[in-house]
Amino acid sequence: MHACSIPPAALRDENAVEIARVWIAEQGLHCSMKIGLYAAEDGPETEIKAWGIILADLTQHIANALSAEGFGARSDLHEALVEALTQELNDPTSPARGEWASKPS
């Protein structure tokens, strides 16, 4: 198993919360998520907006990392990521499958 490292800021912050893990395993995408973290504030609309922001921020971080690794200009990479995401959302290459596991106690 090859896990990613924990960011230094998460190690320093005693209030840090892991919100998602994403794995490629058994030839498919597998993930666990902390859902409901934001809904307690104002309801499901807040949760949905928060996840939209998280996904948007994640594309920024991916573009930054790809650019730092020499894949091209950050702005071009971000544009390509958004285009690829939009294409996948509109015409998925495979269905999202799986079950929702209850929150750990």
PDB file of N, CA and C in Angstrom:
ATOM      1  N   MET A   1       0.857  -1.168   0.000  1.00  0.00           N
ATOM      2  CA  MET A   1       0.000   0.000   0.000  1.00  0.00           C
ATOM      3  C   MET A   1       0.901   1.229   0.000  1.00  0.00           C
ATOM      4  N   HIS A   2       0.509   2.215  -0.793  1.00  0.00           N
ATOM      5  CA  HIS A   2       1.286   3.448  -0.926  1.00  0.00           C
ATOM      6  C   HIS A   2       0.403   4.627  -0.521  1.00  0.00           C
ATOM      7  N   ALA A   3       0.529   5.089   0.713  1.00  0.00           N
ATOM      8  CA  ALA A   3      -0.283   6.194   1.223  1.00  0.00           C
ATOM      9  C   ALA A   3       0.450   7.522   1.057  1.00  0.00           C
ATOM     10  N   CYS A   4      -0.315   8.583   0.927  1.00  0.00           N
ATOM     11  CA  CYS A   4       0.250   9.930   0.859  1.00  0.00           C
ATOM     12  C   CYS A   4       0.644  10.384   2.258  1.00  0.00           C
ATOM     13  N   SER A   5       1.573  11.322   2.294  1.00  0.00           N
ATOM     14  CA  SER A   5       1.985  11.867   3.583  1.00  0.00           C
ATOM     15  C   SER A   5       0.938  12.868   4.091  1.00  0.00           C
ATOM     16  N   ILE A   6       0.944  13.074   5.395  1.00  0.00           N
ATOM     17  CA  ILE A   6       0.046  14.049   6.005  1.00  0.00           C
ATOM     18  C   ILE A   6       0.720  15.419   5.907  1.00  0.00           C
ATOM     19  N   PRO A   7      -0.003  16.447   5.440  1.00  0.00           N
ATOM     20  CA  PRO A   7       0.597  17.778   5.317  1.00  0.00           C
ATOM     21  C   PRO A   7       1.048  18.311   6.686  1.00  0.00           C
ATOM     22  N   PRO A   8       2.181  19.027   6.712  1.00  0.00           N
ATOM     23  CA  PRO A   8       2.689  19.566   7.975  1.00  0.00           C
ATOM     24  C   PRO A   8       1.664  20.399   8.748  1.00  0.00           C
ATOM     25  N   ALA A   9       0.866  21.202   8.050  1.00  0.00           N
ATOM     26  CA  ALA A   9      -0.137  22.034   8.737  1.00  0.00           C
ATOM     27  C   ALA A   9      -1.152  21.170   9.483  1.00  0.00           C
ATOM     28  N   ALA A  10      -1.527  20.030   8.896  1.00  0.00           N
ATOM     29  CA  ALA A  10      -2.478  19.130   9.556  1.00  0.00           C
ATOM     30  C   ALA A  10      -1.859  18.513  10.805  1.00  0.00           C
ATOM     31  N   LEU A  11      -0.565  18.264  10.754  1.00  0.00           N
ATOM     32  CA  LEU A  11       0.123  17.721  11.924  1.00  0.00           C
ATOM     33  C   LEU A  11       0.232  18.761  13.044  1.00  0.00           C
ATOM     34  N   ARG A  12       0.379  20.027  12.670  1.00  0.00           N
ATOM     35  CA  ARG A  12       0.509  21.098  13.669  1.00  0.00           C
ATOM     36  C   ARG A  12      -0.819  21.495  14.297  1.00  0.00           C
ATOM     37  N   ASP A  13      -1.910  21.373  13.563  1.00  0.00           N
ATOM     38  CA  ASP A  13      -3.212  21.876  14.008  1.00  0.00           C
ATOM     39  C   ASP A  13      -3.990  20.794  14.743  1.00  0.00           C
ATOM     40  N   GLU A  14      -4.194  20.982  16.041  1.00  0.00           N
ATOM     41  CA  GLU A  14      -4.909  19.971  16.827  1.00  0.00           C
ATOM     42  C   GLU A  14      -6.376  19.851  16.443  1.00  0.00           C
ATOM     43  N   ASN A  15      -6.899  20.825  15.677  1.00  0.00           N
ATOM     44  CA  ASN A  15      -8.289  20.775  15.223  1.00  0.00           C
ATOM     45  C   ASN A  15      -8.416  20.294  13.774  1.00  0.00           C
ATOM     46  N   ALA A  16      -7.320  19.834  13.185  1.00  0.00           N
ATOM     47  CA  ALA A  16      -7.353  19.362  11.797  1.00  0.00           C
ATOM     48  C   ALA A  16      -8.296  18.164  11.677  1.00  0.00           C
ATOM     49  N   VAL A  17      -8.986  18.087  10.531  1.00  0.00           N
ATOM     50  CA  VAL A  17      -9.935  17.005  10.271  1.00  0.00           C
ATOM     51  C   VAL A  17      -9.648  16.440   8.883  1.00  0.00           C
ATOM     52  N   GLU A  18      -9.451  15.138   8.806  1.00  0.00           N
ATOM     53  CA  GLU A  18      -9.320  14.492   7.500  1.00  0.00           C
ATOM     54  C   GLU A  18     -10.718  14.339   6.931  1.00  0.00           C
ATOM     55  N   ILE A  19     -10.939  14.836   5.708  1.00  0.00           N
ATOM     56  CA  ILE A  19     -12.278  14.808   5.135  1.00  0.00           C
ATOM     57  C   ILE A  19     -12.441  13.793   4.012  1.00  0.00           C
ATOM     58  N   ALA A  20     -11.333  13.320   3.437  1.00  0.00           N
ATOM     59  CA  ALA A  20     -11.455  12.351   2.349  1.00  0.00           C
ATOM     60  C   ALA A  20     -10.164  11.572   2.162  1.00  0.00           C
ATOM     61  N   ARG A  21     -10.321  10.326   1.745  1.00  0.00           N
ATOM     62  CA  ARG A  21      -9.219   9.493   1.273  1.00  0.00           C
ATOM     63  C   ARG A  21      -9.681   8.887  -0.044  1.00  0.00           C
ATOM     64  N   VAL A  22      -8.791   8.873  -1.014  1.00  0.00           N
ATOM     65  CA  VAL A  22      -9.130   8.345  -2.339  1.00  0.00           C
ATOM     66  C   VAL A  22      -8.062   7.343  -2.733  1.00  0.00           C
ATOM     67  N   TRP A  23      -8.503   6.165  -3.149  1.00  0.00           N
ATOM     68  CA  TRP A  23      -7.577   5.076  -3.486  1.00  0.00           C
ATOM     69  C   TRP A  23      -7.904   4.505  -4.855  1.00  0.00           C
ATOM     70  N   ILE A  24      -6.866   4.068  -5.547  1.00  0.00           N
ATOM     71  CA  ILE A  24      -7.022   3.209  -6.713  1.00  0.00           C
ATOM     72  C   ILE A  24      -6.697   1.810  -6.201  1.00  0.00           C
ATOM     73  N   ALA A  25      -7.685   0.929  -6.225  1.00  0.00           N
ATOM     74  CA  ALA A  25      -7.511  -0.430  -5.727  1.00  0.00           C
ATOM     75  C   ALA A  25      -8.430  -1.363  -6.507  1.00  0.00           C
ATOM     76  N   GLU A  26      -7.965  -2.575  -6.740  1.00  0.00           N
ATOM     77  CA  GLU A  26      -8.758  -3.576  -7.470  1.00  0.00           C
ATOM     78  C   GLU A  26      -9.327  -2.996  -8.763  1.00  0.00           C
ATOM     79  N   GLN A  27      -8.502  -2.216  -9.441  1.00  0.00           N
ATOM     80  CA  GLN A  27      -8.806  -1.614 -10.735  1.00  0.00           C
ATOM     81  C   GLN A  27      -9.981  -0.637 -10.687  1.00  0.00           C
ATOM     82  N   GLY A  28     -10.152   0.023  -9.559  1.00  0.00           N
ATOM     83  CA  GLY A  28     -11.225   0.999  -9.450  1.00  0.00           C
ATOM     84  C   GLY A  28     -10.909   2.059  -8.408  1.00  0.00           C
ATOM     85  N   LEU A  29     -11.743   3.075  -8.362  1.00  0.00           N
ATOM     86  CA  LEU A  29     -11.593   4.167  -7.411  1.00  0.00           C
ATOM     87  C   LEU A  29     -12.405   3.845  -6.159  1.00  0.00           C
ATOM     88  N   HIS A  30     -11.767   3.998  -5.015  1.00  0.00           N
ATOM     89  CA  HIS A  30     -12.417   3.742  -3.734  1.00  0.00           C
ATOM     90  C   HIS A  30     -12.150   4.942  -2.844  1.00  0.00           C
ATOM     91  N   CYS A  31     -13.166   5.380  -2.106  1.00  0.00           N
ATOM     92  CA  CYS A  31     -12.959   6.543  -1.257  1.00  0.00           C
ATOM     93  C   CYS A  31     -13.787   6.459   0.015  1.00  0.00           C
ATOM     94  N   SER A  32     -13.299   7.161   1.002  1.00  0.00           N
ATOM     95  CA  SER A  32     -14.067   7.360   2.229  1.00  0.00           C
ATOM     96  C   SER A  32     -14.087   8.864   2.476  1.00  0.00           C
ATOM     97  N   MET A  33     -15.220   9.344   2.975  1.00  0.00           N
ATOM     98  CA  MET A  33     -15.396  10.784   3.157  1.00  0.00           C
ATOM     99  C   MET A  33     -16.097  11.067   4.470  1.00  0.00           C
ATOM    100  N   LYS A  34     -15.795  12.206   5.021  1.00  0.00           N
ATOM    101  CA  LYS A  34     -16.499  12.682   6.210  1.00  0.00           C
ATOM    102  C   LYS A  34     -17.597  13.608   5.705  1.00  0.00           C
ATOM    103  N   ILE A  35     -18.791  13.070   5.585  1.00  0.00           N
ATOM    104  CA  ILE A  35     -19.948  13.818   5.103  1.00  0.00           C
ATOM    105  C   ILE A  35     -20.747  14.316   6.312  1.00  0.00           C
ATOM    106  N   GLY A  36     -21.239  15.540   6.219  1.00  0.00           N
ATOM    107  CA  GLY A  36     -22.060  16.092   7.284  1.00  0.00           C
ATOM    108  C   GLY A  36     -21.328  17.071   8.172  1.00  0.00           C
ATOM    109  N   LEU A  37     -20.064  17.297   7.897  1.00  0.00           N
ATOM    110  CA  LEU A  37     -19.272  18.203   8.717  1.00  0.00           C
ATOM    111  C   LEU A  37     -19.817  19.629   8.666  1.00  0.00           C
ATOM    112  N   TYR A  38     -20.328  20.039   7.515  1.00  0.00           N
ATOM    113  CA  TYR A  38     -20.804  21.408   7.329  1.00  0.00           C
ATOM    114  C   TYR A  38     -22.318  21.541   7.450  1.00  0.00           C
ATOM    115  N   ALA A  39     -23.053  20.462   7.292  1.00  0.00           N
ATOM    116  CA  ALA A  39     -24.516  20.512   7.314  1.00  0.00           C
ATOM    117  C   ALA A  39     -25.042  20.966   8.665  1.00  0.00           C
ATOM    118  N   ALA A  40     -24.317  20.688   9.735  1.00  0.00           N
ATOM    119  CA  ALA A  40     -24.769  21.065  11.070  1.00  0.00           C
ATOM    120  C   ALA A  40     -24.914  22.580  11.202  1.00  0.00           C
ATOM    121  N   GLU A  41     -24.150  23.335  10.413  1.00  0.00           N
ATOM    122  CA  GLU A  41     -24.196  24.797  10.498  1.00  0.00           C
ATOM    123  C   GLU A  41     -25.525  25.354   9.986  1.00  0.00           C
ATOM    124  N   ASP A  42     -25.821  25.096   8.722  1.00  0.00           N
ATOM    125  CA  ASP A  42     -27.009  25.701   8.103  1.00  0.00           C
ATOM    126  C   ASP A  42     -27.833  24.726   7.270  1.00  0.00           C
ATOM    127  N   GLY A  43     -27.519  23.463   7.299  1.00  0.00           N
ATOM    128  CA  GLY A  43     -28.288  22.495   6.535  1.00  0.00           C
ATOM    129  C   GLY A  43     -27.550  21.987   5.321  1.00  0.00           C
ATOM    130  N   PRO A  44     -28.252  21.210   4.492  1.00  0.00           N
ATOM    131  CA  PRO A  44     -27.606  20.548   3.353  1.00  0.00           C
ATOM    132  C   PRO A  44     -27.024  21.501   2.315  1.00  0.00           C
ATOM    133  N   GLU A  45     -27.600  22.696   2.163  1.00  0.00           N
ATOM    134  CA  GLU A  45     -27.069  23.639   1.179  1.00  0.00           C
ATOM    135  C   GLU A  45     -25.633  24.029   1.535  1.00  0.00           C
ATOM    136  N   THR A  46     -25.367  24.194   2.824  1.00  0.00           N
ATOM    137  CA  THR A  46     -24.020  24.541   3.272  1.00  0.00           C
ATOM    138  C   THR A  46     -23.055  23.401   2.991  1.00  0.00           C
ATOM    139  N   GLU A  47     -23.492  22.176   3.224  1.00  0.00           N
ATOM    140  CA  GLU A  47     -22.660  20.993   2.962  1.00  0.00           C
ATOM    141  C   GLU A  47     -22.320  20.898   1.476  1.00  0.00           C
ATOM    142  N   ILE A  48     -23.305  21.075   0.626  1.00  0.00           N
ATOM    143  CA  ILE A  48     -23.096  20.983  -0.825  1.00  0.00           C
ATOM    144  C   ILE A  48     -22.135  22.076  -1.293  1.00  0.00           C
ATOM    145  N   LYS A  49     -22.345  23.293  -0.832  1.00  0.00           N
ATOM    146  CA  LYS A  49     -21.460  24.406  -1.223  1.00  0.00           C
ATOM    147  C   LYS A  49     -20.041  24.147  -0.737  1.00  0.00           C
ATOM    148  N   ALA A  50     -19.894  23.664   0.491  1.00  0.00           N
ATOM    149  CA  ALA A  50     -18.559  23.394   1.040  1.00  0.00           C
ATOM    150  C   ALA A  50     -17.827  22.361   0.200  1.00  0.00           C
ATOM    151  N   TRP A  51     -18.504  21.280  -0.194  1.00  0.00           N
ATOM    152  CA  TRP A  51     -17.847  20.264  -1.026  1.00  0.00           C
ATOM    153  C   TRP A  51     -17.508  20.804  -2.406  1.00  0.00           C
ATOM    154  N   GLY A  52     -18.344  21.684  -2.947  1.00  0.00           N
ATOM    155  CA  GLY A  52     -18.007  22.325  -4.220  1.00  0.00           C
ATOM    156  C   GLY A  52     -16.735  23.153  -4.103  1.00  0.00           C
ATOM    157  N   ILE A  53     -16.602  23.883  -2.998  1.00  0.00           N
ATOM    158  CA  ILE A  53     -15.399  24.679  -2.759  1.00  0.00           C
ATOM    159  C   ILE A  53     -14.188  23.767  -2.585  1.00  0.00           C
ATOM    160  N   ILE A  54     -14.361  22.680  -1.838  1.00  0.00           N
ATOM    161  CA  ILE A  54     -13.260  21.733  -1.631  1.00  0.00           C
ATOM    162  C   ILE A  54     -12.788  21.163  -2.966  1.00  0.00           C
ATOM    163  N   LEU A  55     -13.720  20.752  -3.821  1.00  0.00           N
ATOM    164  CA  LEU A  55     -13.348  20.203  -5.130  1.00  0.00           C
ATOM    165  C   LEU A  55     -12.652  21.251  -5.993  1.00  0.00           C
ATOM    166  N   ALA A  56     -13.153  22.477  -5.970  1.00  0.00           N
ATOM    167  CA  ALA A  56     -12.518  23.557  -6.738  1.00  0.00           C
ATOM    168  C   ALA A  56     -11.109  23.833  -6.219  1.00  0.00           C
ATOM    169  N   ASP A  57     -10.968  23.899  -4.896  1.00  0.00           N
ATOM    170  CA  ASP A  57      -9.641  24.121  -4.319  1.00  0.00           C
ATOM    171  C   ASP A  57      -8.692  22.976  -4.661  1.00  0.00           C
ATOM    172  N   LEU A  58      -9.208  21.768  -4.660  1.00  0.00           N
ATOM    173  CA  LEU A  58      -8.381  20.608  -4.983  1.00  0.00           C
ATOM    174  C   LEU A  58      -7.841  20.704  -6.409  1.00  0.00           C
ATOM    175  N   THR A  59      -8.646  21.183  -7.359  1.00  0.00           N
ATOM    176  CA  THR A  59      -8.142  21.332  -8.724  1.00  0.00           C
ATOM    177  C   THR A  59      -7.007  22.351  -8.775  1.00  0.00           C
ATOM    178  N   GLN A  60      -7.097  23.388  -7.933  1.00  0.00           N
ATOM    179  CA  GLN A  60      -6.018  24.386  -7.873  1.00  0.00           C
ATOM    180  C   GLN A  60      -4.733  23.727  -7.362  1.00  0.00           C
ATOM    181  N   HIS A  61      -4.849  22.927  -6.302  1.00  0.00           N
ATOM    182  CA  HIS A  61      -3.676  22.255  -5.741  1.00  0.00           C
ATOM    183  C   HIS A  61      -3.073  21.250  -6.734  1.00  0.00           C
ATOM    184  N   ILE A  62      -3.925  20.541  -7.459  1.00  0.00           N
ATOM    185  CA  ILE A  62      -3.433  19.583  -8.455  1.00  0.00           C
ATOM    186  C   ILE A  62      -2.684  20.326  -9.556  1.00  0.00           C
ATOM    187  N   ALA A  63      -3.250  21.419 -10.035  1.00  0.00           N
ATOM    188  CA  ALA A  63      -2.575  22.211 -11.077  1.00  0.00           C
ATOM    189  C   ALA A  63      -1.231  22.728 -10.574  1.00  0.00           C
ATOM    190  N   ASN A  64      -1.186  23.196  -9.333  1.00  0.00           N
ATOM    191  CA  ASN A  64       0.075  23.671  -8.760  1.00  0.00           C
ATOM    192  C   ASN A  64       1.108  22.546  -8.714  1.00  0.00           C
ATOM    193  N   ALA A  65       0.681  21.366  -8.259  1.00  0.00           N
ATOM    194  CA  ALA A  65       1.606  20.226  -8.138  1.00  0.00           C
ATOM    195  C   ALA A  65       2.093  19.770  -9.513  1.00  0.00           C
ATOM    196  N   LEU A  66       1.192  19.673 -10.474  1.00  0.00           N
ATOM    197  CA  LEU A  66       1.588  19.259 -11.822  1.00  0.00           C
ATOM    198  C   LEU A  66       2.571  20.252 -12.430  1.00  0.00           C
ATOM    199  N   SER A  67       2.310  21.535 -12.214  1.00  0.00           N
ATOM    200  CA  SER A  67       3.215  22.558 -12.734  1.00  0.00           C
ATOM    201  C   SER A  67       4.588  22.453 -12.062  1.00  0.00           C
ATOM    202  N   ALA A  68       4.586  22.255 -10.755  1.00  0.00           N
ATOM    203  CA  ALA A  68       5.855  22.119 -10.028  1.00  0.00           C
ATOM    204  C   ALA A  68       6.650  20.903 -10.491  1.00  0.00           C
ATOM    205  N   GLU A  69       5.948  19.878 -10.972  1.00  0.00           N
ATOM    206  CA  GLU A  69       6.605  18.660 -11.476  1.00  0.00           C
ATOM    207  C   GLU A  69       6.980  18.777 -12.950  1.00  0.00           C
ATOM    208  N   GLY A  70       6.740  19.949 -13.555  1.00  0.00           N
ATOM    209  CA  GLY A  70       7.173  20.177 -14.923  1.00  0.00           C
ATOM    210  C   GLY A  70       6.190  19.784 -16.009  1.00  0.00           C
ATOM    211  N   PHE A  71       4.913  19.649 -15.664  1.00  0.00           N
ATOM    212  CA  PHE A  71       3.914  19.251 -16.660  1.00  0.00           C
ATOM    213  C   PHE A  71       3.398  20.408 -17.499  1.00  0.00           C
ATOM    214  N   GLY A  72       3.762  21.623 -17.159  1.00  0.00           N
ATOM    215  CA  GLY A  72       3.318  22.767 -17.946  1.00  0.00           C
ATOM    216  C   GLY A  72       2.977  23.953 -17.070  1.00  0.00           C
ATOM    217  N   ALA A  73       2.408  24.959 -17.718  1.00  0.00           N
ATOM    218  CA  ALA A  73       2.027  26.180 -17.015  1.00  0.00           C
ATOM    219  C   ALA A  73       0.809  25.915 -16.133  1.00  0.00           C
ATOM    220  N   ARG A  74       0.833  26.446 -14.927  1.00  0.00           N
ATOM    221  CA  ARG A  74      -0.225  26.211 -13.962  1.00  0.00           C
ATOM    222  C   ARG A  74      -1.606  26.565 -14.514  1.00  0.00           C
ATOM    223  N   SER A  75      -1.731  27.726 -15.167  1.00  0.00           N
ATOM    224  CA  SER A  75      -3.038  28.153 -15.685  1.00  0.00           C
ATOM    225  C   SER A  75      -3.542  27.208 -16.774  1.00  0.00           C
ATOM    226  N   ASP A  76      -2.652  26.746 -17.645  1.00  0.00           N
ATOM    227  CA  ASP A  76      -3.047  25.796 -18.688  1.00  0.00           C
ATOM    228  C   ASP A  76      -3.473  24.466 -18.079  1.00  0.00           C
ATOM    229  N   LEU A  77      -2.747  24.031 -17.070  1.00  0.00           N
ATOM    230  CA  LEU A  77      -3.068  22.764 -16.415  1.00  0.00           C
ATOM    231  C   LEU A  77      -4.404  22.852 -15.688  1.00  0.00           C
ATOM    232  N   HIS A  78      -4.645  23.976 -15.027  1.00  0.00           N
ATOM    233  CA  HIS A  78      -5.924  24.139 -14.327  1.00  0.00           C
ATOM    234  C   HIS A  78      -7.080  24.123 -15.319  1.00  0.00           C
ATOM    235  N   GLU A  79      -6.919  24.824 -16.418  1.00  0.00           N
ATOM    236  CA  GLU A  79      -7.953  24.843 -17.458  1.00  0.00           C
ATOM    237  C   GLU A  79      -8.215  23.430 -17.986  1.00  0.00           C
ATOM    238  N   ALA A  80      -7.148  22.665 -18.227  1.00  0.00           N
ATOM    239  CA  ALA A  80      -7.291  21.296 -18.721  1.00  0.00           C
ATOM    240  C   ALA A  80      -7.974  20.398 -17.686  1.00  0.00           C
ATOM    241  N   LEU A  81      -7.659  20.591 -16.408  1.00  0.00           N
ATOM    242  CA  LEU A  81      -8.301  19.814 -15.349  1.00  0.00           C
ATOM    243  C   LEU A  81      -9.798  20.100 -15.292  1.00  0.00           C
ATOM    244  N   VAL A  82     -10.158  21.363 -15.347  1.00  0.00           N
ATOM    245  CA  VAL A  82     -11.576  21.731 -15.311  1.00  0.00           C
ATOM    246  C   VAL A  82     -12.305  21.149 -16.518  1.00  0.00           C
ATOM    247  N   GLU A  83     -11.661  21.209 -17.675  1.00  0.00           N
ATOM    248  CA  GLU A  83     -12.255  20.640 -18.886  1.00  0.00           C
ATOM    249  C   GLU A  83     -12.441  19.126 -18.746  1.00  0.00           C
ATOM    250  N   ALA A  84     -11.423  18.436 -18.238  1.00  0.00           N
ATOM    251  CA  ALA A  84     -11.514  16.986 -18.054  1.00  0.00           C
ATOM    252  C   ALA A  84     -12.585  16.630 -17.026  1.00  0.00           C
ATOM    253  N   LEU A  85     -12.674  17.404 -15.947  1.00  0.00           N
ATOM    254  CA  LEU A  85     -13.697  17.170 -14.929  1.00  0.00           C
ATOM    255  C   LEU A  85     -15.094  17.361 -15.503  1.00  0.00           C
ATOM    256  N   THR A  86     -15.280  18.445 -16.231  1.00  0.00           N
ATOM    257  CA  THR A  86     -16.581  18.720 -16.843  1.00  0.00           C
ATOM    258  C   THR A  86     -16.976  17.606 -17.807  1.00  0.00           C
ATOM    259  N   GLN A  87     -16.019  17.157 -18.618  1.00  0.00           N
ATOM    260  CA  GLN A  87     -16.292  16.073 -19.562  1.00  0.00           C
ATOM    261  C   GLN A  87     -16.689  14.796 -18.816  1.00  0.00           C
ATOM    262  N   GLU A  88     -15.968  14.470 -17.747  1.00  0.00           N
ATOM    263  CA  GLU A  88     -16.269  13.258 -16.981  1.00  0.00           C
ATOM    264  C   GLU A  88     -17.618  13.353 -16.277  1.00  0.00           C
ATOM    265  N   LEU A  89     -17.956  14.525 -15.778  1.00  0.00           N
ATOM    266  CA  LEU A  89     -19.260  14.709 -15.135  1.00  0.00           C
ATOM    267  C   LEU A  89     -20.390  14.551 -16.141  1.00  0.00           C
ATOM    268  N   ASN A  90     -20.184  15.070 -17.351  1.00  0.00           N
ATOM    269  CA  ASN A  90     -21.211  15.008 -18.385  1.00  0.00           C
ATOM    270  C   ASN A  90     -21.324  13.645 -19.051  1.00  0.00           C
ATOM    271  N   ASP A  91     -20.209  12.910 -19.116  1.00  0.00           N
ATOM    272  CA  ASP A  91     -20.191  11.610 -19.792  1.00  0.00           C
ATOM    273  C   ASP A  91     -19.211  10.683 -19.067  1.00  0.00           C
ATOM    274  N   PRO A  92     -19.626  10.118 -17.936  1.00  0.00           N
ATOM    275  CA  PRO A  92     -18.709   9.315 -17.115  1.00  0.00           C
ATOM    276  C   PRO A  92     -18.126   8.117 -17.856  1.00  0.00           C
ATOM    277  N   THR A  93     -16.837   7.866 -17.625  1.00  0.00           N
ATOM    278  CA  THR A  93     -16.197   6.696 -18.218  1.00  0.00           C
ATOM    279  C   THR A  93     -16.597   5.416 -17.500  1.00  0.00           C
ATOM    280  N   SER A  94     -17.061   5.551 -16.250  1.00  0.00           N
ATOM    281  CA  SER A  94     -17.580   4.405 -15.499  1.00  0.00           C
ATOM    282  C   SER A  94     -18.511   4.930 -14.419  1.00  0.00           C
ATOM    283  N   PRO A  95     -19.450   4.088 -13.996  1.00  0.00           N
ATOM    284  CA  PRO A  95     -20.386   4.536 -12.968  1.00  0.00           C
ATOM    285  C   PRO A  95     -19.722   4.561 -11.592  1.00  0.00           C
ATOM    286  N   ALA A  96     -20.169   5.473 -10.753  1.00  0.00           N
ATOM    287  CA  ALA A  96     -19.715   5.484  -9.354  1.00  0.00           C
ATOM    288  C   ALA A  96     -20.553   4.443  -8.621  1.00  0.00           C
ATOM    289  N   ARG A  97     -19.868   3.470  -8.041  1.00  0.00           N
ATOM    290  CA  ARG A  97     -20.567   2.405  -7.329  1.00  0.00           C
ATOM    291  C   ARG A  97     -20.054   2.314  -5.911  1.00  0.00           C
ATOM    292  N   GLY A  98     -20.793   1.656  -5.090  1.00  0.00           N
ATOM    293  CA  GLY A  98     -20.341   1.434  -3.729  1.00  0.00           C
ATOM    294  C   GLY A  98     -21.454   1.687  -2.734  1.00  0.00           C
ATOM    295  N   GLU A  99     -21.139   1.429  -1.507  1.00  0.00           N
ATOM    296  CA  GLU A  99     -22.105   1.615  -0.442  1.00  0.00           C
ATOM    297  C   GLU A  99     -21.624   2.704   0.494  1.00  0.00           C
ATOM    298  N   TRP A 100     -22.556   3.320   1.156  1.00  0.00           N
ATOM    299  CA  TRP A 100     -22.216   4.319   2.134  1.00  0.00           C
ATOM    300  C   TRP A 100     -22.005   3.631   3.464  1.00  0.00           C
ATOM    301  N   ALA A 101     -20.831   3.815   4.022  1.00  0.00           N
ATOM    302  CA  ALA A 101     -20.525   3.239   5.326  1.00  0.00           C
ATOM    303  C   ALA A 101     -20.887   4.265   6.390  1.00  0.00           C
ATOM    304  N   SER A 102     -21.464   3.805   7.465  1.00  0.00           N
ATOM    305  CA  SER A 102     -21.828   4.742   8.530  1.00  0.00           C
ATOM    306  C   SER A 102     -20.582   5.347   9.156  1.00  0.00           C
ATOM    307  N   LYS A 103     -20.777   6.485   9.761  1.00  0.00           N
ATOM    308  CA  LYS A 103     -19.665   7.195  10.389  1.00  0.00           C
ATOM    309  C   LYS A 103     -19.104   6.367  11.542  1.00  0.00           C
ATOM    310  N   PRO A 104     -17.774   6.374  11.686  1.00  0.00           N
ATOM    311  CA  PRO A 104     -17.204   5.660  12.828  1.00  0.00           C
ATOM    312  C   PRO A 104     -17.606   6.338  14.128  1.00  0.00           C
ATOM    313  N   SER A 105     -17.772   5.535  15.159  1.00  0.00           N
ATOM    314  CA  SER A 105     -18.190   6.128  16.442  1.00  0.00           C
ATOM    315  C   SER A 105     -17.017   6.610  17.236  1.00  0.00           C
TER     316      SER A 105
END
